Amino acid sequence: MDPKPEPPAAYRTRLVDDRLGSAIGQLPAVLLVGPRACGKTTTAARHTASVVRLNRDAEAAAFRADPDVALERLQEPALLDEWQEVPGVLAAVKRAVDADSRPGRFVLTGSVSAELTENSWPGTGRITRIPMWGMTVREALRAAPARLLVDRLHAADASAFGPAAGARLDLADYVDLATAGGFPDPVLNRDGTGRQLWLESYLDELVHHDAALLRAGIDSGRFASYVEAIAVNNAGVVDDSTILDSVRIDRRTAHAYWQLLERLFMVEAVPAWWSNRLTRLVALEKRYLVDTALMATALRLGTDEILRDGNLLGRIVEGFVAMQLRPELSVSALRPRLFHFRDKGGRHEVDLVIEYGGGRVAGIEIKATASPGADDARHLVWLRDRLGSRFTMGVVLHTGPTDFEMGDRIVAAPISTLWA
């Protein structure tokens, strides 16, 4: 007899919980958006009194027939999950909010980016969009509350970058975490074969179903090849021609494919940072798949294969760090923005640049090494010296166990400091 399956893991508090709760308490309608299966419905349901899943025909029927009446019968705050499945719902919410704008009425969730100007509803003043991303290691481990890394970089306290308590992770451990990814179900409820099957099914559904719903007649084979090309170049500054040649598509099709992935919240383009104090800077964006498990799955690679490929190793480690930072950027009261930096000669580049209000800047270098040295911090030193007081702090995140200072306002710290 097969053993009974383990019960689903208990809810993990998400970084977005506080912001979502605050928004519901102050605004009539909130829109929570992010990748499918990142946990939006589960999180939003904890803040609402009723839930309607509009991607289920039985629950959507009344809203298709008369959305105004259907809304009136809901206990508020009401969660309208996958709201874009019934277009008339948005106009009904508009009318309800216009008639009664008290806070805490509606939460809408969606896994596809859609324009809020549909049905003549400009969301301005009526809805607040809150992004939600995959589960971070900090959330999965239920790590004790601590300052966000982006906030610590702003505070420039060199003593605030130690490793997570009890964590002595090595390079293989970090790659294991990266290939596991941030989708709550496979991270918390599955391991080994079960997790891999879940991720393969997710990617297959993305390529052959979700994309087709948004773009009729799409060539799913070429689209799958495009996703694989993005995975190979993950965390890279890549000219479109590189991808065009590998997939054999034209520039217009590549642009359409990228926009499609953006609408599905599967990719992020990090813009190049610019300063009038510096010249000859590269303007190309740096592109990421939002979850490194999708990178590994698209390339059909596990930890051992990635460890044997220095190029992919660096890309997946950087992508993993970006995964941990993305939710922080969404909830930090400092409202930081994420960039990358590179000059045209390639002599100086910083993996990630965090820009705060007032033009203050922090830098992050990500190294797949256990013992970073002065050479690993040289670009941060260069940026610090040119920005002067505008430079708050730089950190070299590495795969070793220790943290130490590397100079004025520059530290080295284990990647696990992200959840310390």
Foldseek 3Di string as FASTA:
>chain_A
DDDDADPFDDDFDALCLVVVLVQQQAWAEEEEEAFPLQCPVVSVVVNWDEEAECVDCVSVVVCLVPVLVVLVPDDWPYEYEQVVSRLSNLLSLVVVCVVPIHGGNYYYYHLFDDQSCPPNGDCVPHYYYFYDYFAAPLRVVVFDDDDFPVVCLQVLDQVLFAFGPPDFFFLLRLQQVQLLKGRSCSVGRHDDPVSLVVLLVVVCCVLPPLLCVVPPPDPSVLLLLLLLVCLLQALHQDDVVVSCVRSVDDPVVSVVSVVSCVRSNQKDWAFADDDPLDDQWDGTTGMHGLGSSNSCSSVVHGSVVCVVDPSSSQRSQLSSLVNLCVSVCSNDPQNKGKHWTAGPVRPATFSIWIAGPPRAIETEAEDADQDDDPVSCVNVVVVCVSVPPSYRAYEYEYRHRGKDAHDVRYIYHHSSSSSD
